[in-house]
Structure formats: structure tokens, C-alpha cells
Amino acid sequence: MLFLNEKNDNHLLAALPQEEFSRWAPFLEHVHMPLGQVISEPGCIQSHVFFPTTSIVSLLYVLENGASAEIAVVGNEGVVGISLFMGGGSTPSRAVVQSAGEGIRLKAFALQDEFNRAGPALHLLLRYTQALITQMAQTAVCNRHHSLDQQLCRWLLLSLDRLTGNELVMTQELIANMLGVRREGVTEAALKLQKAGLISYARGHIKVLDRLGLEKRSCECYAVVKKEYDRLLPNIMAT
């Protein structure tokens, strides 16, 4: 069970009115989310939803041949498991921890019961879902029309928004799997950003040295996604 002051670790939980959060509190628990942990598989119904706090989860679409590409990221602004309250029960995507850390999980029935009350939690979760759908749609557009350099900038910025500090622990192979490209392409793109003085990269640690420069180098997709999150969830994204 979590205490009321602990809900601030995840911005979506923090935005819940105290009455609604109090109903969830007995069913919430802290969990460690190690790198590579599979939160959910395609077609499977989850027993819990996850609210990342210091971790980031990638939603991936996996093809029959094993190739994959990321369709969205979820961090301390959101929740993994929207199918449990959207009525589908399961999704064709896989949820995998891409940046290790901590999280809070909630039993599925508690989320569904609160959603069915048609109160503040319902409206908050629907606004979050609309923002997540925007991220998914923009990711598809970006992967089709923009350069790998721009895609990498977008991906780095979205990840940084969901972490504290300016450093990511991420191998080039993992980034390549997320973006659905060859590792060599990520290596080349990362070297360009490093030579431009925007990032430093060594042994799986990516440190952003010039965030403003990274934003300028990115395509419009990052700004579109951020603007929609800020519009739909202003109190969350401002915390």
C-alpha cells in the first residue's frame, strides 16, 4: 500500500483527486523494473497496470520475423496498460522496459472499477490516452518521412522528458531495435550528434550536452507530441 505523498512519483497518479487515489492506495505497490523486462505480450490480458516513476517503458510492435519497432514511450507521465480500461482487453504490441528504474503497479480490477465510476479518473485517463495516440501517430509519420538523425533526436528528447537529469543508459543495439533500423545507422547518427557537440556517448551512456540544439536538429514531430501532452495534461506535464 502506498501513502498519499508517494503518488507524486508518477505525474498521472499525482493528478488524481485525493478521494480517487485513496480508493486505489490499498492496491498499489512499488516494483523494480529492470532493463528488458517484458510488462505485457501481444494478445495477453494484463493483471496489473504500471505507472513508471524512474523507469521508461517502450511499446513495441513485433513482426512475425522477429523485427520490431517502437510505437510509443511511457514514463513518469503515464501508465502502461490502457487496453484494460479502453475495452479491448489486450493489444498487438509488446511493452518492454527500455530504461531501468522503479514503478508503481495497480491491480487491473481497481483501475477498471474507478474508470466505470465515470468520475475524474475516467476523464484523466481518456485525456492521457488521446495524448498517447498522438505520440503513436506521430511516430509512424516520423519513421516514414524523416531522417534517422531526426528520429534519434526525437527519441532522445521524448526519453529525457520522462527522466530526471540529462543522461540515458542505452546501448546502440537497443536504440536500433526501438527505431527499427540497423545498428550501423544508429552509430552513424550518434556520431554526427556527438561531433556537433549535442551529446556525448560512451559505453552505453548517452549524455545530452545541448538540449536546445537537439530540439533544433529534431523534426517537428517532437514538438507536435509535446504540445499535445501539454494541452491535454497541463497540470501533469508542468510538475
Protein backbone atom coordinates (compact mmCIF):
# COMPACT_ATOMS: atom_id res chain seq x y z
CA MET A 1 0.00 0.00 0.00
CA LEU A 2 1.22 3.47 -0.89
CA PHE A 3 0.81 6.61 1.15
CA LEU A 4 -0.77 9.76 -0.28
CA ASN A 5 2.53 11.66 -0.53
CA GLU A 6 4.09 8.86 -2.61
CA LYS A 7 1.73 9.34 -5.54
CA ASN A 8 3.82 12.29 -6.75
CA ASP A 9 6.41 9.86 -8.13
CA ASN A 10 4.14 9.40 -11.15
CA HIS A 11 2.51 12.54 -12.56
CA LEU A 12 -0.67 10.76 -13.66
CA LEU A 13 -1.22 9.44 -10.14
CA ALA A 14 -0.37 12.86 -8.74
CA ALA A 15 -3.13 14.42 -10.83
CA LEU A 16 -5.79 12.19 -9.25
CA PRO A 17 -8.00 13.85 -6.63
CA GLN A 18 -7.29 12.55 -3.13
CA GLU A 19 -10.61 10.70 -2.87
CA GLU A 20 -9.95 8.66 -6.02
CA PHE A 21 -6.34 7.98 -5.06
CA SER A 22 -7.42 6.79 -1.60
CA ARG A 23 -9.55 4.08 -3.22
CA TRP A 24 -6.54 2.88 -5.21
CA ALA A 25 -3.98 3.10 -2.40
CA PRO A 26 -4.61 -0.40 -0.92
CA PHE A 27 -3.96 -1.97 -4.34
CA LEU A 28 -0.82 -0.02 -5.28
CA GLU A 29 2.70 -1.33 -4.77
CA HIS A 30 6.23 -0.26 -5.65
CA VAL A 31 8.02 -2.53 -8.12
CA HIS A 32 11.52 -2.63 -9.57
CA MET A 33 11.51 -2.54 -13.37
CA PRO A 34 14.83 -3.91 -14.72
CA LEU A 35 16.09 -3.26 -18.23
CA GLY A 36 14.47 -5.61 -20.75
CA GLN A 37 11.61 -6.70 -18.50
CA VAL A 38 8.55 -7.57 -20.58
CA ILE A 39 5.49 -5.95 -18.99
CA SER A 40 2.99 -7.38 -21.46
CA GLU A 41 2.96 -9.55 -24.56
CA PRO A 42 0.73 -9.21 -27.66
CA GLY A 43 -2.73 -10.65 -27.14
CA CYS A 44 -2.33 -11.14 -23.38
CA ILE A 45 -4.61 -9.51 -20.83
CA GLN A 46 -2.66 -7.83 -18.03
CA SER A 47 -3.38 -8.47 -14.36
CA HIS A 48 -1.92 -5.05 -13.47
CA VAL A 49 -1.29 -1.65 -14.98
CA PHE A 50 2.08 0.02 -14.41
CA PHE A 51 2.82 3.64 -13.55
CA PRO A 52 6.56 4.18 -14.21
CA THR A 53 8.33 6.53 -11.82
CA THR A 54 12.06 6.43 -12.66
CA SER A 55 11.81 3.88 -15.49
CA ILE A 56 10.72 4.15 -19.12
CA VAL A 57 8.68 1.53 -20.97
CA SER A 58 8.65 1.11 -24.75
CA LEU A 59 5.55 -0.04 -26.58
CA LEU A 60 6.80 -2.14 -29.48
CA TYR A 61 5.17 -3.78 -32.47
CA VAL A 62 6.85 -7.08 -33.25
CA LEU A 63 6.62 -8.63 -36.73
CA GLU A 64 6.39 -12.35 -37.48
CA ASN A 65 10.08 -12.43 -38.44
CA GLY A 66 11.06 -11.02 -35.04
CA ALA A 67 11.81 -7.48 -36.22
CA SER A 68 10.38 -4.75 -34.03
CA ALA A 69 9.83 -1.00 -33.91
CA GLU A 70 8.80 1.30 -31.12
CA ILE A 71 5.41 2.97 -31.42
CA ALA A 72 5.46 4.98 -28.15
CA VAL A 73 7.28 5.50 -24.87
CA VAL A 74 5.72 5.74 -21.41
CA GLY A 75 7.47 7.21 -18.39
CA ASN A 76 6.56 9.07 -15.22
CA GLU A 77 3.86 10.99 -17.10
CA GLY A 78 1.68 7.98 -17.80
CA VAL A 79 0.50 4.41 -17.46
CA VAL A 80 1.16 1.12 -19.27
CA GLY A 81 -1.99 -0.92 -19.90
CA ILE A 82 -4.62 1.38 -21.43
CA SER A 83 -6.33 -1.61 -23.07
CA LEU A 84 -7.67 -2.59 -19.64
CA PHE A 85 -9.93 0.45 -19.50
CA MET A 86 -10.42 1.14 -23.21
CA GLY A 87 -12.39 -2.08 -23.68
CA GLY A 88 -10.02 -4.08 -25.84
CA GLY A 89 -8.57 -6.19 -23.08
CA SER A 90 -5.31 -6.74 -24.97
CA THR A 91 -3.22 -5.14 -27.72
CA PRO A 92 -0.99 -6.43 -30.55
CA SER A 93 2.00 -4.59 -29.07
CA ARG A 94 4.63 -5.60 -26.52
CA ALA A 95 5.60 -3.43 -23.53
CA VAL A 96 9.29 -3.65 -22.56
CA VAL A 97 11.35 -1.67 -20.05
CA GLN A 98 13.86 0.36 -22.07
CA SER A 99 15.34 2.32 -19.15
CA ALA A 100 15.62 0.54 -15.80
CA GLY A 101 14.15 2.06 -12.68
CA GLU A 102 11.16 1.92 -10.39
CA GLY A 103 7.43 1.91 -10.90
CA ILE A 104 4.08 1.51 -9.20
CA ARG A 105 1.64 -1.18 -10.21
CA LEU A 106 -2.09 -1.35 -9.66
CA LYS A 107 -4.39 -4.35 -9.83
CA ALA A 108 -6.44 -4.28 -13.02
CA PHE A 109 -9.83 -4.56 -11.33
CA ALA A 110 -9.17 -1.45 -9.20
CA LEU A 111 -8.45 0.61 -12.32
CA GLN A 112 -11.50 -0.75 -14.13
CA ASP A 113 -13.79 -0.10 -11.16
CA GLU A 114 -12.63 3.50 -10.89
CA PHE A 115 -12.95 4.04 -14.64
CA ASN A 116 -16.52 2.73 -14.55
CA ARG A 117 -17.44 5.29 -11.89
CA ALA A 118 -17.22 7.86 -14.70
CA GLY A 119 -15.57 10.37 -12.39
CA PRO A 120 -12.30 12.37 -12.53
CA ALA A 121 -10.18 9.27 -13.15
CA LEU A 122 -12.08 8.46 -16.34
CA HIS A 123 -11.57 11.92 -17.81
CA LEU A 124 -7.89 11.98 -16.80
CA LEU A 125 -7.21 8.57 -18.34
CA LEU A 126 -9.02 9.45 -21.56
CA ARG A 127 -7.01 12.65 -21.96
CA TYR A 128 -3.82 10.68 -21.40
CA THR A 129 -4.92 8.09 -23.95
CA GLN A 130 -5.53 10.79 -26.56
CA ALA A 131 -2.02 12.16 -25.94
CA LEU A 132 -0.56 8.65 -26.25
CA ILE A 133 -2.41 8.08 -29.53
CA THR A 134 -0.93 11.33 -30.84
CA GLN A 135 2.55 10.06 -29.96
CA MET A 136 1.89 6.77 -31.77
CA ALA A 137 0.59 8.52 -34.90
CA GLN A 138 3.47 10.98 -34.99
CA THR A 139 5.99 8.18 -34.53
CA ALA A 140 4.58 6.43 -37.60
CA VAL A 141 4.83 9.63 -39.65
CA CYS A 142 8.35 10.33 -38.39
CA ASN A 143 9.63 6.83 -39.19
CA ARG A 144 8.29 7.14 -42.73
CA HIS A 145 9.28 10.68 -43.69
CA HIS A 146 12.22 11.86 -41.57
CA SER A 147 15.91 11.05 -41.46
CA LEU A 148 17.43 8.72 -38.90
CA ASP A 149 19.24 11.70 -37.36
CA GLN A 150 15.92 13.43 -36.79
CA GLN A 151 14.30 10.27 -35.46
CA LEU A 152 17.14 9.80 -32.98
CA CYS A 153 16.80 13.40 -31.78
CA ARG A 154 13.05 12.94 -31.30
CA TRP A 155 13.59 9.67 -29.43
CA LEU A 156 16.24 11.17 -27.14
CA LEU A 157 14.06 14.17 -26.32
CA LEU A 158 10.99 12.07 -25.57
CA SER A 159 13.06 9.84 -23.31
CA LEU A 160 14.65 12.79 -21.48
CA ASP A 161 11.22 14.28 -20.81
CA ARG A 162 10.42 11.14 -18.84
CA LEU A 163 13.57 11.05 -16.73
CA THR A 164 15.35 13.34 -14.30
CA GLY A 165 18.74 14.63 -15.38
CA ASN A 166 20.28 14.64 -18.84
CA GLU A 167 21.72 11.13 -19.17
CA LEU A 168 20.37 7.90 -20.61
CA VAL A 169 21.80 4.41 -20.19
CA MET A 170 21.14 2.82 -23.54
CA THR A 171 23.14 0.65 -25.95
CA GLN A 172 23.14 1.41 -29.66
CA GLU A 173 21.74 -2.06 -30.33
CA LEU A 174 18.74 -1.35 -28.11
CA ILE A 175 18.16 2.03 -29.76
CA ALA A 176 18.31 0.34 -33.16
CA ASN A 177 15.66 -2.16 -32.06
CA MET A 178 13.45 0.66 -30.80
CA LEU A 179 13.72 2.64 -34.02
CA GLY A 180 13.51 -0.42 -36.25
CA VAL A 181 16.80 0.31 -38.05
CA ARG A 182 20.26 -1.24 -38.36
CA ARG A 183 22.75 -0.69 -35.54
CA GLU A 184 25.23 0.82 -38.00
CA GLY A 185 22.73 3.55 -38.80
CA VAL A 186 22.35 4.46 -35.14
CA THR A 187 26.14 4.51 -34.73
CA GLU A 188 26.48 6.94 -37.63
CA ALA A 189 23.66 9.17 -36.41
CA ALA A 190 25.02 9.22 -32.85
CA LEU A 191 28.50 10.17 -34.11
CA LYS A 192 27.02 13.11 -36.05
CA LEU A 193 25.27 14.37 -32.92
CA GLN A 194 28.45 13.91 -30.90
CA LYS A 195 30.59 15.79 -33.41
CA ALA A 196 28.04 18.60 -33.37
CA GLY A 197 28.52 18.86 -29.60
CA LEU A 198 24.93 17.88 -28.83
CA ILE A 199 25.60 14.62 -26.98
CA SER A 200 28.44 12.55 -25.59
CA TYR A 201 28.27 8.78 -25.90
CA ALA A 202 30.44 6.19 -24.19
CA ARG A 203 29.82 2.62 -23.04
CA GLY A 204 26.07 2.80 -23.31
CA HIS A 205 25.78 6.16 -21.55
CA ILE A 206 24.30 9.00 -23.58
CA LYS A 207 24.62 12.46 -22.06
CA VAL A 208 22.81 15.39 -23.66
CA LEU A 209 25.12 18.41 -23.71
CA ASP A 210 22.94 20.82 -25.68
CA ARG A 211 19.22 20.15 -25.37
CA LEU A 212 18.21 23.27 -27.28
CA GLY A 213 20.49 22.24 -30.13
CA LEU A 214 18.95 18.78 -30.09
CA GLU A 215 15.46 20.30 -30.35
CA LYS A 216 16.53 22.45 -33.30
CA ARG A 217 18.00 19.43 -35.07
CA SER A 218 14.91 17.30 -34.48
CA CYS A 219 11.98 17.29 -36.89
CA GLU A 220 8.62 18.84 -35.96
CA CYS A 221 7.37 15.51 -34.58
CA TYR A 222 8.79 16.04 -31.10
CA ALA A 223 7.18 19.48 -30.79
CA VAL A 224 3.82 18.15 -32.02
CA VAL A 225 3.80 15.38 -29.40
CA LYS A 226 4.96 17.64 -26.57
CA LYS A 227 2.40 20.30 -27.42
CA GLU A 228 -0.41 17.75 -27.31
CA TYR A 229 0.70 16.38 -23.94
CA ASP A 230 0.94 19.93 -22.58
CA ARG A 231 -2.53 20.77 -23.95
CA LEU A 232 -4.30 17.66 -22.68
CA LEU A 233 -2.40 17.20 -19.42
CA PRO A 234 -1.18 20.69 -18.43
CA ASN A 235 -1.03 20.03 -14.69
CA ILE A 236 0.86 16.78 -15.23
CA MET A 237 3.49 18.00 -17.66
CA ALA A 238 4.17 21.11 -15.59
CA THR A 239 5.20 19.13 -12.50
